[in-house]
């Protein structure tokens, strides 16, 4: 994996749902922003769902696993759980966003990133 990605020195992987709706796009964009800011590293949820060995091994080596879901279906969290991973979960619904009613904007992405604590998270 290379560079450590959070201030405590460990590796934090971020898995957005990146679904086909407005809230899915918001999770994706927020994860990219958090990655650019150095808070963690966005990682491939599809690789986990496909049980690809390299993705699974890298995720096992992570110190923290973060799931960001756009709606109550919680696909990111459930995909990680199905693969045997415990993650800290964040859902845009709990941040006031609703599927089909949440335009993608810089302000929305900033609000999502601000709602995710920047300290060390614990797995659920």
PDB file of N, CA and C in Angstrom:
ATOM      1  N   UNK A   1       0.801  -1.193   0.000  1.00  0.00           N
ATOM      2  CA  UNK A   1       0.000   0.000   0.000  1.00  0.00           C
ATOM      3  C   UNK A   1       0.841   1.253   0.000  1.00  0.00           C
ATOM      4  N   UNK A   2       2.011   1.291   0.485  1.00  0.00           N
ATOM      5  CA  UNK A   2       2.785   2.511   0.419  1.00  0.00           C
ATOM      6  C   UNK A   2       2.494   3.477   1.546  1.00  0.00           C
ATOM      7  N   UNK A   3       2.234   4.742   1.178  1.00  0.00           N
ATOM      8  CA  UNK A   3       2.089   5.844   2.114  1.00  0.00           C
ATOM      9  C   UNK A   3       0.970   5.629   3.139  1.00  0.00           C
ATOM     10  N   UNK A   4       1.282   5.886   4.389  1.00  0.00           N
ATOM     11  CA  UNK A   4       0.274   5.851   5.447  1.00  0.00           C
ATOM     12  C   UNK A   4      -0.657   7.035   5.240  1.00  0.00           C
ATOM     13  N   UNK A   5      -1.929   6.855   5.644  1.00  0.00           N
ATOM     14  CA  UNK A   5      -2.876   7.873   5.229  1.00  0.00           C
ATOM     15  C   UNK A   5      -3.707   8.531   6.317  1.00  0.00           C
ATOM     16  N   UNK A   6      -3.330   8.429   7.561  1.00  0.00           N
ATOM     17  CA  UNK A   6      -4.039   9.243   8.551  1.00  0.00           C
ATOM     18  C   UNK A   6      -3.059   9.702   9.608  1.00  0.00           C
ATOM     19  N   UNK A   7      -3.460  10.717  10.318  1.00  0.00           N
ATOM     20  CA  UNK A   7      -2.521  11.375  11.217  1.00  0.00           C
ATOM     21  C   UNK A   7      -1.995  10.466  12.322  1.00  0.00           C
ATOM     22  N   UNK A   8      -2.698   9.422  12.675  1.00  0.00           N
ATOM     23  CA  UNK A   8      -2.221   8.513  13.705  1.00  0.00           C
ATOM     24  C   UNK A   8      -1.169   7.545  13.155  1.00  0.00           C
ATOM     25  N   UNK A   9      -0.884   7.614  11.850  1.00  0.00           N
ATOM     26  CA  UNK A   9       0.161   6.795  11.275  1.00  0.00           C
ATOM     27  C   UNK A   9      -0.333   5.519  10.631  1.00  0.00           C
ATOM     28  N   UNK A  10      -1.608   5.214  10.724  1.00  0.00           N
ATOM     29  CA  UNK A  10      -2.133   3.989  10.144  1.00  0.00           C
ATOM     30  C   UNK A  10      -2.751   4.213   8.780  1.00  0.00           C
ATOM     31  N   UNK A  11      -3.206   3.128   8.189  1.00  0.00           N
ATOM     32  CA  UNK A  11      -3.834   3.189   6.872  1.00  0.00           C
ATOM     33  C   UNK A  11      -5.348   3.174   7.047  1.00  0.00           C
ATOM     34  N   UNK A  12      -5.996   4.167   6.495  1.00  0.00           N
ATOM     35  CA  UNK A  12      -7.456   4.275   6.551  1.00  0.00           C
ATOM     36  C   UNK A  12      -7.976   4.168   5.119  1.00  0.00           C
ATOM     37  N   UNK A  13      -8.800   3.160   4.852  1.00  0.00           N
ATOM     38  CA  UNK A  13      -9.400   2.993   3.527  1.00  0.00           C
ATOM     39  C   UNK A  13     -10.845   3.466   3.575  1.00  0.00           C
ATOM     40  N   UNK A  14     -11.234   4.207   2.538  1.00  0.00           N
ATOM     41  CA  UNK A  14     -12.574   4.785   2.449  1.00  0.00           C
ATOM     42  C   UNK A  14     -13.312   4.102   1.301  1.00  0.00           C
ATOM     43  N   UNK A  15     -14.473   3.546   1.609  1.00  0.00           N
ATOM     44  CA  UNK A  15     -15.291   2.860   0.616  1.00  0.00           C
ATOM     45  C   UNK A  15     -16.629   3.582   0.452  1.00  0.00           C
ATOM     46  N   UNK A  16     -16.758   4.443  -0.570  1.00  0.00           N
ATOM     47  CA  UNK A  16     -18.051   5.066  -0.826  1.00  0.00           C
ATOM     48  C   UNK A  16     -18.938   4.106  -1.607  1.00  0.00           C
ATOM     49  N   UNK A  17     -20.246   4.260  -1.477  1.00  0.00           N
ATOM     50  CA  UNK A  17     -21.124   3.377  -2.251  1.00  0.00           C
ATOM     51  C   UNK A  17     -21.030   3.716  -3.745  1.00  0.00           C
ATOM     52  N   UNK A  18     -20.805   4.982  -4.076  1.00  0.00           N
ATOM     53  CA  UNK A  18     -20.683   5.415  -5.474  1.00  0.00           C
ATOM     54  C   UNK A  18     -21.853   4.935  -6.335  1.00  0.00           C
ATOM     55  N   UNK A  19     -23.036   4.836  -5.741  1.00  0.00           N
ATOM     56  CA  UNK A  19     -24.210   4.349  -6.446  1.00  0.00           C
ATOM     57  C   UNK A  19     -24.664   5.262  -7.563  1.00  0.00           C
ATOM     58  N   UNK A  20     -25.702   4.849  -8.281  1.00  0.00           N
ATOM     59  CA  UNK A  20     -26.166   5.543  -9.467  1.00  0.00           C
ATOM     60  C   UNK A  20     -27.040   6.753  -9.213  1.00  0.00           C
ATOM     61  N   UNK A  21     -27.291   7.112  -7.965  1.00  0.00           N
ATOM     62  CA  UNK A  21     -28.157   8.249  -7.659  1.00  0.00           C
ATOM     63  C   UNK A  21     -27.331   9.461  -7.241  1.00  0.00           C
ATOM     64  N   UNK A  22     -28.032  10.546  -6.976  1.00  0.00           N
ATOM     65  CA  UNK A  22     -27.357  11.760  -6.523  1.00  0.00           C
ATOM     66  C   UNK A  22     -26.566  11.525  -5.238  1.00  0.00           C
ATOM     67  N   UNK A  23     -27.142  10.815  -4.285  1.00  0.00           N
ATOM     68  CA  UNK A  23     -26.419  10.560  -3.032  1.00  0.00           C
ATOM     69  C   UNK A  23     -25.236   9.617  -3.237  1.00  0.00           C
ATOM     70  N   UNK A  24     -25.335   8.720  -4.202  1.00  0.00           N
ATOM     71  CA  UNK A  24     -24.194   7.868  -4.539  1.00  0.00           C
ATOM     72  C   UNK A  24     -23.039   8.685  -5.084  1.00  0.00           C
ATOM     73  N   UNK A  25     -23.358   9.627  -5.954  1.00  0.00           N
ATOM     74  CA  UNK A  25     -22.309  10.507  -6.484  1.00  0.00           C
ATOM     75  C   UNK A  25     -21.708  11.356  -5.375  1.00  0.00           C
ATOM     76  N   UNK A  26     -22.539  11.810  -4.448  1.00  0.00           N
ATOM     77  CA  UNK A  26     -22.019  12.592  -3.327  1.00  0.00           C
ATOM     78  C   UNK A  26     -21.043  11.783  -2.476  1.00  0.00           C
ATOM     79  N   UNK A  27     -21.340  10.503  -2.229  1.00  0.00           N
ATOM     80  CA  UNK A  27     -20.406   9.679  -1.448  1.00  0.00           C
ATOM     81  C   UNK A  27     -19.069   9.554  -2.167  1.00  0.00           C
ATOM     82  N   UNK A  28     -19.146   9.368  -3.478  1.00  0.00           N
ATOM     83  CA  UNK A  28     -17.936   9.230  -4.287  1.00  0.00           C
ATOM     84  C   UNK A  28     -17.105  10.507  -4.240  1.00  0.00           C
ATOM     85  N   UNK A  29     -17.751  11.627  -4.449  1.00  0.00           N
ATOM     86  CA  UNK A  29     -17.029  12.903  -4.454  1.00  0.00           C
ATOM     87  C   UNK A  29     -16.468  13.245  -3.075  1.00  0.00           C
ATOM     88  N   UNK A  30     -17.216  12.929  -2.030  1.00  0.00           N
ATOM     89  CA  UNK A  30     -16.714  13.177  -0.678  1.00  0.00           C
ATOM     90  C   UNK A  30     -15.487  12.307  -0.396  1.00  0.00           C
ATOM     91  N   UNK A  31     -15.529  11.043  -0.801  1.00  0.00           N
ATOM     92  CA  UNK A  31     -14.382  10.147  -0.593  1.00  0.00           C
ATOM     93  C   UNK A  31     -13.157  10.650  -1.349  1.00  0.00           C
ATOM     94  N   UNK A  32     -13.362  11.163  -2.540  1.00  0.00           N
ATOM     95  CA  UNK A  32     -12.240  11.712  -3.312  1.00  0.00           C
ATOM     96  C   UNK A  32     -11.652  12.949  -2.629  1.00  0.00           C
ATOM     97  N   UNK A  33     -12.516  13.791  -2.091  1.00  0.00           N
ATOM     98  CA  UNK A  33     -12.053  14.987  -1.373  1.00  0.00           C
ATOM     99  C   UNK A  33     -11.278  14.586  -0.123  1.00  0.00           C
ATOM    100  N   UNK A  34     -11.803  13.641   0.641  1.00  0.00           N
ATOM    101  CA  UNK A  34     -11.104  13.179   1.841  1.00  0.00           C
ATOM    102  C   UNK A  34      -9.746  12.573   1.485  1.00  0.00           C
ATOM    103  N   UNK A  35      -9.675  11.895   0.346  1.00  0.00           N
ATOM    104  CA  UNK A  35      -8.405  11.337  -0.122  1.00  0.00           C
ATOM    105  C   UNK A  35      -7.433  12.459  -0.477  1.00  0.00           C
ATOM    106  N   UNK A  36      -7.899  13.453  -1.225  1.00  0.00           N
ATOM    107  CA  UNK A  36      -7.037  14.592  -1.582  1.00  0.00           C
ATOM    108  C   UNK A  36      -6.526  15.315  -0.342  1.00  0.00           C
ATOM    109  N   UNK A  37      -7.345  15.367   0.691  1.00  0.00           N
ATOM    110  CA  UNK A  37      -6.961  16.040   1.931  1.00  0.00           C
ATOM    111  C   UNK A  37      -6.018  15.197   2.789  1.00  0.00           C
ATOM    112  N   UNK A  38      -5.793  13.950   2.390  1.00  0.00           N
ATOM    113  CA  UNK A  38      -4.868  13.085   3.113  1.00  0.00           C
ATOM    114  C   UNK A  38      -5.461  12.389   4.321  1.00  0.00           C
ATOM    115  N   UNK A  39      -6.795  12.441   4.477  1.00  0.00           N
ATOM    116  CA  UNK A  39      -7.439  11.808   5.630  1.00  0.00           C
ATOM    117  C   UNK A  39      -7.491  10.295   5.497  1.00  0.00           C
ATOM    118  N   UNK A  40      -7.496   9.813   4.296  1.00  0.00           N
ATOM    119  CA  UNK A  40      -7.548   8.379   4.030  1.00  0.00           C
ATOM    120  C   UNK A  40      -7.330   8.140   2.555  1.00  0.00           C
ATOM    121  N   UNK A  41      -7.607   6.919   2.127  1.00  0.00           N
ATOM    122  CA  UNK A  41      -7.444   6.570   0.717  1.00  0.00           C
ATOM    123  C   UNK A  41      -8.726   5.908   0.232  1.00  0.00           C
ATOM    124  N   UNK A  42      -9.314   6.509  -0.796  1.00  0.00           N
ATOM    125  CA  UNK A  42     -10.488   5.904  -1.404  1.00  0.00           C
ATOM    126  C   UNK A  42     -10.073   4.561  -1.986  1.00  0.00           C
ATOM    127  N   UNK A  43     -10.936   3.556  -1.786  1.00  0.00           N
ATOM    128  CA  UNK A  43     -10.590   2.225  -2.259  1.00  0.00           C
ATOM    129  C   UNK A  43     -11.766   1.609  -3.000  1.00  0.00           C
ATOM    130  N   UNK A  44     -11.541   0.489  -3.669  1.00  0.00           N
ATOM    131  CA  UNK A  44     -12.488  -0.087  -4.622  1.00  0.00           C
ATOM    132  C   UNK A  44     -13.483  -1.061  -3.986  1.00  0.00           C
ATOM    133  N   UNK A  45     -14.712  -0.601  -3.815  1.00  0.00           N
ATOM    134  CA  UNK A  45     -15.768  -1.448  -3.266  1.00  0.00           C
ATOM    135  C   UNK A  45     -16.106  -2.600  -4.211  1.00  0.00           C
ATOM    136  N   UNK A  46     -16.042  -2.357  -5.534  1.00  0.00           N
ATOM    137  CA  UNK A  46     -16.324  -3.424  -6.497  1.00  0.00           C
ATOM    138  C   UNK A  46     -15.323  -4.568  -6.351  1.00  0.00           C
ATOM    139  N   UNK A  47     -14.072  -4.257  -6.073  1.00  0.00           N
ATOM    140  CA  UNK A  47     -13.062  -5.292  -5.857  1.00  0.00           C
ATOM    141  C   UNK A  47     -13.372  -6.151  -4.640  1.00  0.00           C
ATOM    142  N   UNK A  48     -13.940  -5.536  -3.613  1.00  0.00           N
ATOM    143  CA  UNK A  48     -14.350  -6.282  -2.424  1.00  0.00           C
ATOM    144  C   UNK A  48     -15.538  -7.175  -2.771  1.00  0.00           C
ATOM    145  N   UNK A  49     -16.528  -6.605  -3.449  1.00  0.00           N
ATOM    146  CA  UNK A  49     -17.723  -7.360  -3.824  1.00  0.00           C
ATOM    147  C   UNK A  49     -17.401  -8.542  -4.726  1.00  0.00           C
ATOM    148  N   UNK A  50     -16.370  -8.384  -5.563  1.00  0.00           N
ATOM    149  CA  UNK A  50     -15.958  -9.450  -6.470  1.00  0.00           C
ATOM    150  C   UNK A  50     -14.997 -10.430  -5.794  1.00  0.00           C
ATOM    151  N   UNK A  51     -14.673 -10.186  -4.546  1.00  0.00           N
ATOM    152  CA  UNK A  51     -13.750 -11.027  -3.764  1.00  0.00           C
ATOM    153  C   UNK A  51     -12.397 -11.181  -4.461  1.00  0.00           C
ATOM    154  N   UNK A  52     -11.906 -10.075  -5.017  1.00  0.00           N
ATOM    155  CA  UNK A  52     -10.594 -10.073  -5.655  1.00  0.00           C
ATOM    156  C   UNK A  52      -9.505 -10.124  -4.586  1.00  0.00           C
ATOM    157  N   UNK A  53      -8.619 -11.077  -4.696  1.00  0.00           N
ATOM    158  CA  UNK A  53      -7.615 -11.361  -3.671  1.00  0.00           C
ATOM    159  C   UNK A  53      -6.809 -10.119  -3.255  1.00  0.00           C
ATOM    160  N   UNK A  54      -6.307  -9.359  -4.205  1.00  0.00           N
ATOM    161  CA  UNK A  54      -5.485  -8.196  -3.884  1.00  0.00           C
ATOM    162  C   UNK A  54      -6.243  -7.141  -3.094  1.00  0.00           C
ATOM    163  N   UNK A  55      -7.491  -6.901  -3.471  1.00  0.00           N
ATOM    164  CA  UNK A  55      -8.313  -5.925  -2.750  1.00  0.00           C
ATOM    165  C   UNK A  55      -8.610  -6.406  -1.333  1.00  0.00           C
ATOM    166  N   UNK A  56      -8.904  -7.687  -1.204  1.00  0.00           N
ATOM    167  CA  UNK A  56      -9.196  -8.247   0.114  1.00  0.00           C
ATOM    168  C   UNK A  56      -7.971  -8.181   1.022  1.00  0.00           C
ATOM    169  N   UNK A  57      -6.805  -8.526   0.487  1.00  0.00           N
ATOM    170  CA  UNK A  57      -5.580  -8.507   1.285  1.00  0.00           C
ATOM    171  C   UNK A  57      -5.221  -7.091   1.721  1.00  0.00           C
ATOM    172  N   UNK A  58      -5.342  -6.133   0.801  1.00  0.00           N
ATOM    173  CA  UNK A  58      -5.043  -4.741   1.165  1.00  0.00           C
ATOM    174  C   UNK A  58      -6.003  -4.231   2.229  1.00  0.00           C
ATOM    175  N   UNK A  59      -7.255  -4.620   2.114  1.00  0.00           N
ATOM    176  CA  UNK A  59      -8.247  -4.177   3.093  1.00  0.00           C
ATOM    177  C   UNK A  59      -7.983  -4.820   4.449  1.00  0.00           C
ATOM    178  N   UNK A  60      -7.584  -6.078   4.461  1.00  0.00           N
ATOM    179  CA  UNK A  60      -7.230  -6.741   5.726  1.00  0.00           C
ATOM    180  C   UNK A  60      -6.081  -6.022   6.419  1.00  0.00           C
ATOM    181  N   UNK A  61      -5.177  -5.446   5.649  1.00  0.00           N
ATOM    182  CA  UNK A  61      -4.004  -4.766   6.205  1.00  0.00           C
ATOM    183  C   UNK A  61      -4.317  -3.355   6.710  1.00  0.00           C
ATOM    184  N   UNK A  62      -5.505  -2.843   6.409  1.00  0.00           N
ATOM    185  CA  UNK A  62      -5.864  -1.476   6.815  1.00  0.00           C
ATOM    186  C   UNK A  62      -6.068  -1.393   8.326  1.00  0.00           C
ATOM    187  N   UNK A  63      -5.718  -0.250   8.878  1.00  0.00           N
ATOM    188  CA  UNK A  63      -5.961   0.008  10.294  1.00  0.00           C
ATOM    189  C   UNK A  63      -7.406   0.433  10.532  1.00  0.00           C
ATOM    190  N   UNK A  64      -7.988   1.098   9.548  1.00  0.00           N
ATOM    191  CA  UNK A  64      -9.380   1.541   9.638  1.00  0.00           C
ATOM    192  C   UNK A  64     -10.059   1.355   8.292  1.00  0.00           C
ATOM    193  N   UNK A  65     -11.318   0.972   8.343  1.00  0.00           N
ATOM    194  CA  UNK A  65     -12.128   0.812   7.142  1.00  0.00           C
ATOM    195  C   UNK A  65     -13.365   1.682   7.328  1.00  0.00           C
ATOM    196  N   UNK A  66     -13.589   2.572   6.380  1.00  0.00           N
ATOM    197  CA  UNK A  66     -14.694   3.526   6.456  1.00  0.00           C
ATOM    198  C   UNK A  66     -15.668   3.242   5.319  1.00  0.00           C
ATOM    199  N   UNK A  67     -16.949   3.073   5.653  1.00  0.00           N
ATOM    200  CA  UNK A  67     -18.006   2.901   4.653  1.00  0.00           C
ATOM    201  C   UNK A  67     -18.831   4.182   4.624  1.00  0.00           C
ATOM    202  N   UNK A  68     -18.996   4.750   3.431  1.00  0.00           N
ATOM    203  CA  UNK A  68     -19.855   5.926   3.275  1.00  0.00           C
ATOM    204  C   UNK A  68     -20.982   5.544   2.334  1.00  0.00           C
ATOM    205  N   UNK A  69     -22.190   5.503   2.877  1.00  0.00           N
ATOM    206  CA  UNK A  69     -23.368   5.134   2.096  1.00  0.00           C
ATOM    207  C   UNK A  69     -24.246   6.343   1.844  1.00  0.00           C
ATOM    208  N   UNK A  70     -24.938   6.312   0.708  1.00  0.00           N
ATOM    209  CA  UNK A  70     -25.793   7.422   0.338  1.00  0.00           C
ATOM    210  C   UNK A  70     -27.223   7.285   0.806  1.00  0.00           C
ATOM    211  N   UNK A  71     -27.677   6.063   1.040  1.00  0.00           N
ATOM    212  CA  UNK A  71     -29.088   5.856   1.381  1.00  0.00           C
ATOM    213  C   UNK A  71     -29.221   4.705   2.383  1.00  0.00           C
ATOM    214  N   UNK A  72     -30.426   4.471   2.881  1.00  0.00           N
ATOM    215  CA  UNK A  72     -30.629   3.418   3.886  1.00  0.00           C
ATOM    216  C   UNK A  72     -30.284   2.000   3.431  1.00  0.00           C
ATOM    217  N   UNK A  73     -30.159   1.753   2.142  1.00  0.00           N
ATOM    218  CA  UNK A  73     -29.777   0.410   1.685  1.00  0.00           C
ATOM    219  C   UNK A  73     -28.394   0.006   2.207  1.00  0.00           C
ATOM    220  N   UNK A  74     -27.534   0.981   2.467  1.00  0.00           N
ATOM    221  CA  UNK A  74     -26.215   0.755   3.071  1.00  0.00           C
ATOM    222  C   UNK A  74     -25.376  -0.280   2.318  1.00  0.00           C
ATOM    223  N   UNK A  75     -25.321  -0.176   1.009  1.00  0.00           N
ATOM    224  CA  UNK A  75     -24.617  -1.165   0.182  1.00  0.00           C
ATOM    225  C   UNK A  75     -23.124  -1.256   0.478  1.00  0.00           C
ATOM    226  N   UNK A  76     -22.478  -0.127   0.729  1.00  0.00           N
ATOM    227  CA  UNK A  76     -21.045  -0.165   1.022  1.00  0.00           C
ATOM    228  C   UNK A  76     -20.794  -0.929   2.323  1.00  0.00           C
ATOM    229  N   UNK A  77     -21.491  -0.549   3.362  1.00  0.00           N
ATOM    230  CA  UNK A  77     -21.338  -1.218   4.652  1.00  0.00           C
ATOM    231  C   UNK A  77     -21.644  -2.705   4.537  1.00  0.00           C
ATOM    232  N   UNK A  78     -22.738  -3.051   3.862  1.00  0.00           N
ATOM    233  CA  UNK A  78     -23.146  -4.450   3.746  1.00  0.00           C
ATOM    234  C   UNK A  78     -22.186  -5.261   2.877  1.00  0.00           C
ATOM    235  N   UNK A  79     -21.619  -4.657   1.833  1.00  0.00           N
ATOM    236  CA  UNK A  79     -20.638  -5.346   0.997  1.00  0.00           C
ATOM    237  C   UNK A  79     -19.392  -5.671   1.813  1.00  0.00           C
ATOM    238  N   UNK A  80     -18.930  -4.699   2.583  1.00  0.00           N
ATOM    239  CA  UNK A  80     -17.763  -4.930   3.438  1.00  0.00           C
ATOM    240  C   UNK A  80     -18.055  -5.991   4.491  1.00  0.00           C
ATOM    241  N   UNK A  81     -19.216  -5.909   5.105  1.00  0.00           N
ATOM    242  CA  UNK A  81     -19.616  -6.880   6.123  1.00  0.00           C
ATOM    243  C   UNK A  81     -19.697  -8.286   5.524  1.00  0.00           C
ATOM    244  N   UNK A  82     -20.269  -8.399   4.338  1.00  0.00           N
ATOM    245  CA  UNK A  82     -20.391  -9.699   3.660  1.00  0.00           C
ATOM    246  C   UNK A  82     -19.015 -10.324   3.399  1.00  0.00           C
ATOM    247  N   UNK A  83     -18.027  -9.458   3.150  1.00  0.00           N
ATOM    248  CA  UNK A  83     -16.668  -9.943   2.896  1.00  0.00           C
ATOM    249  C   UNK A  83     -15.895 -10.187   4.196  1.00  0.00           C
ATOM    250  N   UNK A  84     -16.545  -9.942   5.337  1.00  0.00           N
ATOM    251  CA  UNK A  84     -15.905 -10.221   6.618  1.00  0.00           C
ATOM    252  C   UNK A  84     -15.214  -9.048   7.275  1.00  0.00           C
ATOM    253  N   UNK A  85     -15.458  -7.842   6.793  1.00  0.00           N
ATOM    254  CA  UNK A  85     -14.801  -6.660   7.339  1.00  0.00           C
ATOM    255  C   UNK A  85     -15.732  -5.870   8.244  1.00  0.00           C
ATOM    256  N   UNK A  86     -15.169  -5.347   9.311  1.00  0.00           N
ATOM    257  CA  UNK A  86     -15.885  -4.426  10.182  1.00  0.00           C
ATOM    258  C   UNK A  86     -15.469  -3.024   9.776  1.00  0.00           C
ATOM    259  N   UNK A  87     -16.453  -2.149   9.646  1.00  0.00           N
ATOM    260  CA  UNK A  87     -16.136  -0.791   9.228  1.00  0.00           C
ATOM    261  C   UNK A  87     -16.885   0.224  10.070  1.00  0.00           C
ATOM    262  N   UNK A  88     -16.341   1.410  10.094  1.00  0.00           N
ATOM    263  CA  UNK A  88     -17.048   2.549  10.661  1.00  0.00           C
ATOM    264  C   UNK A  88     -17.971   3.017   9.550  1.00  0.00           C
ATOM    265  N   UNK A  89     -19.257   3.197   9.869  1.00  0.00           N
ATOM    266  CA  UNK A  89     -20.197   3.541   8.809  1.00  0.00           C
ATOM    267  C   UNK A  89     -20.758   4.943   8.979  1.00  0.00           C
ATOM    268  N   UNK A  90     -20.884   5.597   7.843  1.00  0.00           N
ATOM    269  CA  UNK A  90     -21.498   6.916   7.745  1.00  0.00           C
ATOM    270  C   UNK A  90     -22.551   6.825   6.655  1.00  0.00           C
ATOM    271  N   UNK A  91     -23.722   7.396   6.924  1.00  0.00           N
ATOM    272  CA  UNK A  91     -24.796   7.354   5.936  1.00  0.00           C
ATOM    273  C   UNK A  91     -25.307   8.767   5.719  1.00  0.00           C
ATOM    274  N   UNK A  92     -25.390   9.171   4.445  1.00  0.00           N
ATOM    275  CA  UNK A  92     -25.823  10.513   4.120  1.00  0.00           C
ATOM    276  C   UNK A  92     -27.238  10.807   4.608  1.00  0.00           C
ATOM    277  N   UNK A  93     -28.065   9.785   4.722  1.00  0.00           N
ATOM    278  CA  UNK A  93     -29.419   9.992   5.251  1.00  0.00           C
ATOM    279  C   UNK A  93     -29.350  10.625   6.633  1.00  0.00           C
ATOM    280  N   UNK A  94     -28.404  10.177   7.451  1.00  0.00           N
ATOM    281  CA  UNK A  94     -28.236  10.711   8.799  1.00  0.00           C
ATOM    282  C   UNK A  94     -27.639  12.113   8.813  1.00  0.00           C
ATOM    283  N   UNK A  95     -27.203  12.582   7.656  1.00  0.00           N
ATOM    284  CA  UNK A  95     -26.635  13.921   7.524  1.00  0.00           C
ATOM    285  C   UNK A  95     -27.632  14.883   6.876  1.00  0.00           C
ATOM    286  N   UNK A  96     -28.859  14.407   6.638  1.00  0.00           N
ATOM    287  CA  UNK A  96     -29.890  15.266   6.076  1.00  0.00           C
ATOM    288  C   UNK A  96     -30.056  15.181   4.570  1.00  0.00           C
ATOM    289  N   UNK A  97     -29.397  14.228   3.925  1.00  0.00           N
ATOM    290  CA  UNK A  97     -29.518  14.065   2.479  1.00  0.00           C
ATOM    291  C   UNK A  97     -30.555  12.991   2.169  1.00  0.00           C
ATOM    292  N   UNK A  98     -31.275  13.165   1.074  1.00  0.00           N
ATOM    293  CA  UNK A  98     -32.282  12.187   0.667  1.00  0.00           C
ATOM    294  C   UNK A  98     -32.090  11.846  -0.805  1.00  0.00           C
ATOM    295  N   UNK A  99     -32.142  10.567  -1.085  1.00  0.00           N
ATOM    296  CA  UNK A  99     -31.988  10.062  -2.453  1.00  0.00           C
ATOM    297  C   UNK A  99     -33.020  10.722  -3.368  1.00  0.00           C
ATOM    298  N   UNK A 100     -32.534  11.258  -4.488  1.00  0.00           N
ATOM    299  CA  UNK A 100     -33.401  11.912  -5.452  1.00  0.00           C
ATOM    300  C   UNK A 100     -33.691  13.371  -5.137  1.00  0.00           C
ATOM    301  N   UNK A 101     -33.197  13.846  -4.020  1.00  0.00           N
ATOM    302  CA  UNK A 101     -33.468  15.228  -3.592  1.00  0.00           C
ATOM    303  C   UNK A 101     -32.205  15.929  -3.098  1.00  0.00           C
ATOM    304  N   UNK A 102     -31.048  15.474  -3.530  1.00  0.00           N
ATOM    305  CA  UNK A 102     -29.786  16.008  -3.026  1.00  0.00           C
ATOM    306  C   UNK A 102     -28.845  16.338  -4.183  1.00  0.00           C
ATOM    307  N   UNK A 103     -29.023  17.512  -4.771  1.00  0.00           N
ATOM    308  CA  UNK A 103     -28.151  17.894  -5.885  1.00  0.00           C
ATOM    309  C   UNK A 103     -26.670  17.853  -5.488  1.00  0.00           C
ATOM    310  N   UNK A 104     -25.855  17.444  -6.423  1.00  0.00           N
ATOM    311  CA  UNK A 104     -24.416  17.390  -6.191  1.00  0.00           C
ATOM    312  C   UNK A 104     -23.861  18.808  -6.308  1.00  0.00           C
ATOM    313  N   UNK A 105     -23.218  19.255  -5.239  1.00  0.00           N
ATOM    314  CA  UNK A 105     -22.624  20.597  -5.232  1.00  0.00           C
ATOM    315  C   UNK A 105     -21.416  20.591  -4.309  1.00  0.00           C
ATOM    316  N   UNK A 106     -20.590  21.591  -4.483  1.00  0.00           N
ATOM    317  CA  UNK A 106     -19.433  21.742  -3.603  1.00  0.00           C
ATOM    318  C   UNK A 106     -19.840  21.906  -2.153  1.00  0.00           C
ATOM    319  N   UNK A 107     -20.919  22.649  -1.913  1.00  0.00           N
ATOM    320  CA  UNK A 107     -21.391  22.850  -0.540  1.00  0.00           C
ATOM    321  C   UNK A 107     -21.824  21.532   0.091  1.00  0.00           C
ATOM    322  N   UNK A 108     -22.528  20.689  -0.677  1.00  0.00           N
ATOM    323  CA  UNK A 108     -22.974  19.398  -0.160  1.00  0.00           C
ATOM    324  C   UNK A 108     -21.777  18.512   0.177  1.00  0.00           C
ATOM    325  N   UNK A 109     -20.785  18.487  -0.689  1.00  0.00           N
ATOM    326  CA  UNK A 109     -19.587  17.670  -0.462  1.00  0.00           C
ATOM    327  C   UNK A 109     -18.846  18.157   0.776  1.00  0.00           C
ATOM    328  N   UNK A 110     -18.732  19.472   0.924  1.00  0.00           N
ATOM    329  CA  UNK A 110     -18.079  20.043   2.101  1.00  0.00           C
ATOM    330  C   UNK A 110     -18.837  19.668   3.371  1.00  0.00           C
ATOM    331  N   UNK A 111     -20.168  19.712   3.335  1.00  0.00           N
ATOM    332  CA  UNK A 111     -20.991  19.351   4.492  1.00  0.00           C
ATOM    333  C   UNK A 111     -20.764  17.886   4.881  1.00  0.00           C
ATOM    334  N   UNK A 112     -20.708  17.011   3.887  1.00  0.00           N
ATOM    335  CA  UNK A 112     -20.484  15.581   4.159  1.00  0.00           C
ATOM    336  C   UNK A 112     -19.119  15.374   4.802  1.00  0.00           C
ATOM    337  N   UNK A 113     -18.097  15.968   4.217  1.00  0.00           N
ATOM    338  CA  UNK A 113     -16.739  15.797   4.752  1.00  0.00           C
ATOM    339  C   UNK A 113     -16.636  16.353   6.172  1.00  0.00           C
ATOM    340  N   UNK A 114     -17.327  17.455   6.433  1.00  0.00           N
ATOM    341  CA  UNK A 114     -17.301  18.046   7.780  1.00  0.00           C
ATOM    342  C   UNK A 114     -18.037  17.173   8.792  1.00  0.00           C
ATOM    343  N   UNK A 115     -19.008  16.389   8.346  1.00  0.00           N
ATOM    344  CA  UNK A 115     -19.780  15.535   9.251  1.00  0.00           C
ATOM    345  C   UNK A 115     -19.044  14.259   9.642  1.00  0.00           C
ATOM    346  N   UNK A 116     -17.955  13.967   8.969  1.00  0.00           N
ATOM    347  CA  UNK A 116     -17.164  12.777   9.285  1.00  0.00           C
ATOM    348  C   UNK A 116     -16.032  13.193  10.224  1.00  0.00           C
ATOM    349  N   UNK A 117     -16.049  12.685  11.443  1.00  0.00           N
ATOM    350  CA  UNK A 117     -14.997  13.079  12.410  1.00  0.00           C
ATOM    351  C   UNK A 117     -13.606  12.768  11.868  1.00  0.00           C
ATOM    352  N   UNK A 118     -12.699  13.676  12.038  1.00  0.00           N
ATOM    353  CA  UNK A 118     -11.346  13.498  11.507  1.00  0.00           C
ATOM    354  C   UNK A 118     -10.410  12.821  12.491  1.00  0.00           C
ATOM    355  N   UNK A 119     -10.924  12.453  13.644  1.00  0.00           N
ATOM    356  CA  UNK A 119     -10.099  11.695  14.586  1.00  0.00           C
ATOM    357  C   UNK A 119     -10.172  10.219  14.223  1.00  0.00           C
ATOM    358  N   UNK A 120      -9.424   9.414  14.926  1.00  0.00           N
ATOM    359  CA  UNK A 120      -9.417   7.986  14.670  1.00  0.00           C
ATOM    360  C   UNK A 120     -10.796   7.399  14.947  1.00  0.00           C
ATOM    361  N   UNK A 121     -11.367   6.735  13.952  1.00  0.00           N
ATOM    362  CA  UNK A 121     -12.689   6.112  14.095  1.00  0.00           C
ATOM    363  C   UNK A 121     -12.523   4.696  14.613  1.00  0.00           C
ATOM    364  N   UNK A 122     -13.583   4.157  15.192  1.00  0.00           N
ATOM    365  CA  UNK A 122     -13.554   2.770  15.643  1.00  0.00           C
ATOM    366  C   UNK A 122     -14.515   1.944  14.820  1.00  0.00           C
ATOM    367  N   UNK A 123     -14.204   0.687  14.600  1.00  0.00           N
ATOM    368  CA  UNK A 123     -15.060  -0.190  13.804  1.00  0.00           C
ATOM    369  C   UNK A 123     -16.291  -0.571  14.593  1.00  0.00           C
ATOM    370  N   UNK A 124     -17.379  -0.799  13.861  1.00  0.00           N
ATOM    371  CA  UNK A 124     -18.627  -1.248  14.486  1.00  0.00           C
ATOM    372  C   UNK A 124     -18.794  -2.727  14.284  1.00  0.00           C
TER     373      UNK A 124
END
